[in-house]
Every structure is written in structure tokens, then in C-alpha cells.
Amino acid sequence: MKRIFIIIMLLFIYSSCSRNIGEFSLISTRDFNNNLFYESIGLIEGKDTEYIIILIPTGGVRIDSAVSDALDNYNANYLTNALVTHQEFYIPYLL
């Protein structure tokens, strides 16, 4: 019984959640000329991070920051067929 209680408590303590924010056919934070031909570079990923310090969030997660991160990391101009998700991982502060 004690082992089951510990497992249940660990599941609550190390909880994670992911949800779909939206799907975009074209998204960018830069100016680009859509009349020019662009080459596909494959799948890319960007992220924006928010930290929580003792139940106090340090800021908010923004879609444009995540898109800018992806574009900067891969030297791209825009993203097509983009999927934006929000993922949380929370370890509560225990007294």
C-alpha cells in the first residue's frame, strides 16, 4: 500500500501537460517577398521558456518569441505548416 501511495504522489509531483495552441499554414516574424522561390530546409523547432520560482511566474510564453527563435536558429524567413504547442512541466515547491 505504501508503494502505491508513493507512486501516486510522484505522478502528482512530476506532472506534465502539453496542449495544441494552433496550426498555421504560414507564419513569420520577418518581412519576406513571397514572389521569390524559397528552398525547404526540413523540420525546424523553436521555443520560448518561462520559469516559475516558488509559485511566481517570471514572465509569459509568447508565440512570436518561439517563431523568432526557430527562424534565427535555422536562418529561415518563414515557416509553413507550423504546429504551435504549449508544454508544461511543473515541480511544486514543497515545504
N, C-alpha and C. Protein backbone atom coordinates (compact mmCIF):
# COMPACT_ATOMS: atom_id res chain seq x y z
N MET A 1 0.82 -1.19 0.00
CA MET A 1 0.00 0.00 0.00
C MET A 1 0.87 1.26 0.00
N LYS A 2 1.94 1.20 0.76
CA LYS A 2 2.84 2.35 0.84
C LYS A 2 3.49 2.62 -0.52
N ARG A 3 3.81 1.58 -1.25
CA ARG A 3 4.44 1.71 -2.56
C ARG A 3 3.49 2.37 -3.57
N ILE A 4 2.23 2.01 -3.52
CA ILE A 4 1.22 2.62 -4.41
C ILE A 4 1.04 4.09 -4.08
N PHE A 5 1.01 4.42 -2.80
CA PHE A 5 0.90 5.81 -2.38
C PHE A 5 2.08 6.64 -2.88
N ILE A 6 3.28 6.10 -2.80
CA ILE A 6 4.47 6.81 -3.28
C ILE A 6 4.41 7.02 -4.78
N ILE A 7 3.97 6.04 -5.51
CA ILE A 7 3.85 6.16 -6.97
C ILE A 7 2.83 7.22 -7.34
N ILE A 8 1.70 7.24 -6.67
CA ILE A 8 0.66 8.25 -6.94
C ILE A 8 1.18 9.64 -6.61
N MET A 9 1.87 9.79 -5.51
CA MET A 9 2.43 11.09 -5.14
C MET A 9 3.46 11.56 -6.16
N LEU A 10 4.30 10.66 -6.65
CA LEU A 10 5.29 11.03 -7.67
C LEU A 10 4.62 11.48 -8.96
N LEU A 11 3.50 10.85 -9.32
CA LEU A 11 2.78 11.27 -10.52
C LEU A 11 2.23 12.68 -10.37
N PHE A 12 1.74 13.02 -9.19
CA PHE A 12 1.24 14.38 -8.95
C PHE A 12 2.37 15.40 -8.88
N ILE A 13 3.48 15.03 -8.28
CA ILE A 13 4.60 15.96 -8.13
C ILE A 13 5.25 16.27 -9.47
N TYR A 14 5.50 15.25 -10.28
CA TYR A 14 6.16 15.45 -11.57
C TYR A 14 5.14 15.41 -12.70
N SER A 15 4.20 16.31 -12.65
CA SER A 15 3.16 16.32 -13.66
C SER A 15 3.59 17.17 -14.85
N SER A 16 3.18 16.76 -16.02
CA SER A 16 3.50 17.46 -17.25
C SER A 16 2.25 17.50 -18.12
N CYS A 17 2.11 18.57 -18.88
CA CYS A 17 0.93 18.73 -19.70
C CYS A 17 1.34 19.38 -21.01
N SER A 18 0.76 18.94 -22.11
CA SER A 18 1.03 19.52 -23.42
C SER A 18 -0.31 19.72 -24.12
N ARG A 19 -0.47 20.91 -24.73
CA ARG A 19 -1.71 21.17 -25.46
C ARG A 19 -1.41 21.93 -26.74
N ASN A 20 -2.25 21.70 -27.71
CA ASN A 20 -2.11 22.31 -29.02
C ASN A 20 -2.67 23.72 -29.00
N ILE A 21 -1.87 24.71 -29.37
CA ILE A 21 -2.31 26.10 -29.42
C ILE A 21 -2.92 26.41 -30.79
N GLY A 22 -2.28 25.96 -31.85
CA GLY A 22 -2.81 26.23 -33.18
C GLY A 22 -1.93 25.67 -34.28
N GLU A 23 -2.50 25.58 -35.48
CA GLU A 23 -1.78 25.16 -36.67
C GLU A 23 -1.85 26.30 -37.67
N PHE A 24 -0.70 26.66 -38.24
CA PHE A 24 -0.62 27.78 -39.16
C PHE A 24 -0.08 27.31 -40.50
N SER A 25 -0.72 27.74 -41.59
CA SER A 25 -0.22 27.37 -42.91
C SER A 25 1.02 28.18 -43.26
N LEU A 26 1.12 29.42 -42.76
CA LEU A 26 2.30 30.25 -42.97
C LEU A 26 2.43 31.19 -41.78
N ILE A 27 3.62 31.24 -41.19
CA ILE A 27 3.85 32.11 -40.05
C ILE A 27 5.28 32.64 -40.11
N SER A 28 5.44 33.92 -39.77
CA SER A 28 6.76 34.54 -39.77
C SER A 28 6.74 35.79 -38.91
N THR A 29 7.90 36.16 -38.41
CA THR A 29 8.05 37.43 -37.70
C THR A 29 8.97 38.36 -38.49
N ARG A 30 9.32 37.97 -39.71
CA ARG A 30 10.19 38.76 -40.58
C ARG A 30 9.45 39.16 -41.85
N ASP A 31 9.94 40.22 -42.49
CA ASP A 31 9.44 40.58 -43.81
C ASP A 31 10.10 39.68 -44.85
N PHE A 32 9.31 39.23 -45.83
CA PHE A 32 9.87 38.41 -46.91
C PHE A 32 9.04 38.64 -48.16
N ASN A 33 9.64 38.36 -49.30
CA ASN A 33 8.99 38.51 -50.59
C ASN A 33 8.43 37.16 -51.01
N ASN A 34 7.11 37.04 -51.04
CA ASN A 34 6.51 35.74 -51.38
C ASN A 34 6.53 35.45 -52.87
N ASN A 35 7.02 36.37 -53.71
CA ASN A 35 7.14 36.11 -55.14
C ASN A 35 8.43 35.37 -55.48
N LEU A 36 9.38 35.33 -54.56
CA LEU A 36 10.63 34.64 -54.79
C LEU A 36 10.50 33.16 -54.44
N PHE A 37 11.37 32.34 -55.00
CA PHE A 37 11.37 30.91 -54.72
C PHE A 37 12.25 30.65 -53.50
N TYR A 38 11.72 29.95 -52.52
CA TYR A 38 12.46 29.59 -51.32
C TYR A 38 12.64 28.08 -51.27
N GLU A 39 13.77 27.65 -50.76
CA GLU A 39 14.09 26.23 -50.66
C GLU A 39 13.69 25.71 -49.28
N SER A 40 13.10 24.53 -49.24
CA SER A 40 12.72 23.91 -47.98
C SER A 40 13.96 23.38 -47.26
N ILE A 41 14.04 23.64 -45.95
CA ILE A 41 15.18 23.14 -45.18
C ILE A 41 14.77 22.02 -44.22
N GLY A 42 13.53 21.58 -44.30
CA GLY A 42 13.06 20.47 -43.48
C GLY A 42 12.40 20.94 -42.20
N LEU A 43 12.29 20.04 -41.25
CA LEU A 43 11.63 20.34 -39.97
C LEU A 43 12.56 21.16 -39.08
N ILE A 44 12.01 22.20 -38.48
CA ILE A 44 12.77 23.01 -37.54
C ILE A 44 11.93 23.23 -36.29
N GLU A 45 12.58 23.65 -35.22
CA GLU A 45 11.90 23.81 -33.94
C GLU A 45 12.44 25.05 -33.22
N GLY A 46 11.54 25.77 -32.58
CA GLY A 46 11.92 26.91 -31.76
C GLY A 46 11.14 26.86 -30.46
N LYS A 47 11.64 27.57 -29.45
CA LYS A 47 10.93 27.54 -28.17
C LYS A 47 11.10 28.85 -27.44
N ASP A 48 10.17 29.10 -26.56
CA ASP A 48 10.22 30.23 -25.63
C ASP A 48 9.96 29.65 -24.25
N THR A 49 10.73 30.06 -23.27
CA THR A 49 10.67 29.45 -21.95
C THR A 49 10.26 30.45 -20.88
N GLU A 50 9.44 29.99 -19.97
CA GLU A 50 9.03 30.76 -18.80
C GLU A 50 9.39 29.94 -17.57
N TYR A 51 9.97 30.58 -16.58
CA TYR A 51 10.34 29.88 -15.36
C TYR A 51 9.39 30.27 -14.23
N ILE A 52 9.15 29.32 -13.33
CA ILE A 52 8.33 29.57 -12.15
C ILE A 52 9.23 29.38 -10.94
N ILE A 53 9.34 30.43 -10.14
CA ILE A 53 10.17 30.39 -8.94
C ILE A 53 9.25 30.50 -7.73
N ILE A 54 9.14 29.43 -6.99
CA ILE A 54 8.29 29.35 -5.79
C ILE A 54 6.89 29.90 -6.09
N LEU A 55 6.22 29.30 -7.03
CA LEU A 55 4.85 29.62 -7.44
C LEU A 55 4.68 30.99 -8.09
N ILE A 56 5.76 31.71 -8.40
CA ILE A 56 5.67 33.02 -9.03
C ILE A 56 6.25 32.91 -10.44
N PRO A 57 5.43 33.10 -11.49
CA PRO A 57 5.96 33.04 -12.86
C PRO A 57 6.85 34.24 -13.15
N THR A 58 7.90 34.01 -13.93
CA THR A 58 8.85 35.08 -14.26
C THR A 58 8.47 35.82 -15.53
N GLY A 59 7.44 35.40 -16.22
CA GLY A 59 7.02 36.04 -17.46
C GLY A 59 6.01 35.16 -18.16
N GLY A 60 5.69 35.53 -19.38
CA GLY A 60 4.73 34.76 -20.16
C GLY A 60 5.37 34.18 -21.41
N VAL A 61 4.88 33.05 -21.83
CA VAL A 61 5.35 32.41 -23.06
C VAL A 61 4.65 33.07 -24.24
N ARG A 62 5.41 33.43 -25.27
CA ARG A 62 4.85 34.13 -26.42
C ARG A 62 5.13 33.35 -27.70
N ILE A 63 4.14 33.30 -28.58
CA ILE A 63 4.28 32.59 -29.85
C ILE A 63 5.32 33.27 -30.72
N ASP A 64 5.33 34.60 -30.78
CA ASP A 64 6.27 35.29 -31.65
C ASP A 64 7.72 35.08 -31.22
N SER A 65 7.97 34.91 -29.94
CA SER A 65 9.33 34.62 -29.48
C SER A 65 9.77 33.22 -29.91
N ALA A 66 8.86 32.27 -29.86
CA ALA A 66 9.19 30.91 -30.30
C ALA A 66 9.43 30.87 -31.81
N VAL A 67 8.62 31.60 -32.57
CA VAL A 67 8.80 31.65 -34.03
C VAL A 67 10.12 32.33 -34.37
N SER A 68 10.44 33.43 -33.70
CA SER A 68 11.70 34.13 -33.94
C SER A 68 12.89 33.24 -33.59
N ASP A 69 12.78 32.46 -32.52
CA ASP A 69 13.84 31.53 -32.15
C ASP A 69 14.07 30.49 -33.24
N ALA A 70 13.00 29.94 -33.77
CA ALA A 70 13.13 28.94 -34.84
C ALA A 70 13.74 29.56 -36.10
N LEU A 71 13.30 30.75 -36.47
CA LEU A 71 13.82 31.40 -37.67
C LEU A 71 15.29 31.76 -37.51
N ASP A 72 15.68 32.24 -36.33
CA ASP A 72 17.07 32.62 -36.09
C ASP A 72 17.99 31.41 -36.05
N ASN A 73 17.56 30.33 -35.42
CA ASN A 73 18.41 29.14 -35.30
C ASN A 73 18.71 28.48 -36.63
N TYR A 74 17.78 28.57 -37.59
CA TYR A 74 17.94 27.87 -38.86
C TYR A 74 18.09 28.83 -40.04
N ASN A 75 18.23 30.12 -39.76
CA ASN A 75 18.39 31.15 -40.79
C ASN A 75 17.29 31.04 -41.85
N ALA A 76 16.05 30.98 -41.39
CA ALA A 76 14.89 30.85 -42.28
C ALA A 76 14.15 32.18 -42.33
N ASN A 77 13.26 32.32 -43.33
CA ASN A 77 12.47 33.54 -43.49
C ASN A 77 11.03 33.37 -43.02
N TYR A 78 10.48 32.17 -43.17
CA TYR A 78 9.12 31.90 -42.73
C TYR A 78 8.95 30.41 -42.51
N LEU A 79 7.87 30.05 -41.82
CA LEU A 79 7.54 28.65 -41.56
C LEU A 79 6.23 28.32 -42.24
N THR A 80 6.15 27.15 -42.84
CA THR A 80 4.89 26.68 -43.42
C THR A 80 4.44 25.44 -42.66
N ASN A 81 3.14 25.25 -42.59
CA ASN A 81 2.54 24.11 -41.88
C ASN A 81 3.10 24.01 -40.46
N ALA A 82 3.05 25.10 -39.74
CA ALA A 82 3.61 25.17 -38.38
C ALA A 82 2.59 24.70 -37.35
N LEU A 83 3.07 23.96 -36.40
CA LEU A 83 2.26 23.49 -35.27
C LEU A 83 2.81 24.14 -34.01
N VAL A 84 1.96 24.86 -33.28
CA VAL A 84 2.36 25.54 -32.05
C VAL A 84 1.73 24.80 -30.88
N THR A 85 2.57 24.33 -29.97
CA THR A 85 2.09 23.64 -28.77
C THR A 85 2.64 24.33 -27.53
N HIS A 86 1.94 24.13 -26.43
CA HIS A 86 2.37 24.65 -25.13
C HIS A 86 2.58 23.46 -24.23
N GLN A 87 3.79 23.32 -23.70
CA GLN A 87 4.12 22.19 -22.85
C GLN A 87 4.54 22.70 -21.48
N GLU A 88 4.00 22.08 -20.44
CA GLU A 88 4.31 22.46 -19.07
C GLU A 88 4.93 21.28 -18.34
N PHE A 89 5.92 21.61 -17.52
CA PHE A 89 6.49 20.63 -16.60
C PHE A 89 6.68 21.36 -15.29
N TYR A 90 6.02 20.92 -14.27
CA TYR A 90 5.98 21.64 -13.01
C TYR A 90 6.40 20.74 -11.87
N ILE A 91 7.38 21.18 -11.12
CA ILE A 91 7.79 20.50 -9.89
C ILE A 91 7.43 21.44 -8.76
N PRO A 92 6.41 21.14 -7.98
CA PRO A 92 5.99 22.09 -6.94
C PRO A 92 7.03 22.21 -5.82
N TYR A 93 7.07 23.37 -5.25
CA TYR A 93 7.95 23.65 -4.11
C TYR A 93 7.31 23.09 -2.85
N LEU A 94 7.98 22.16 -2.23
CA LEU A 94 7.44 21.53 -1.04
C LEU A 94 8.14 22.06 0.19
N LEU A 95 7.37 22.41 1.21
CA LEU A 95 7.96 22.90 2.47
C LEU A 95 8.32 21.79 3.38
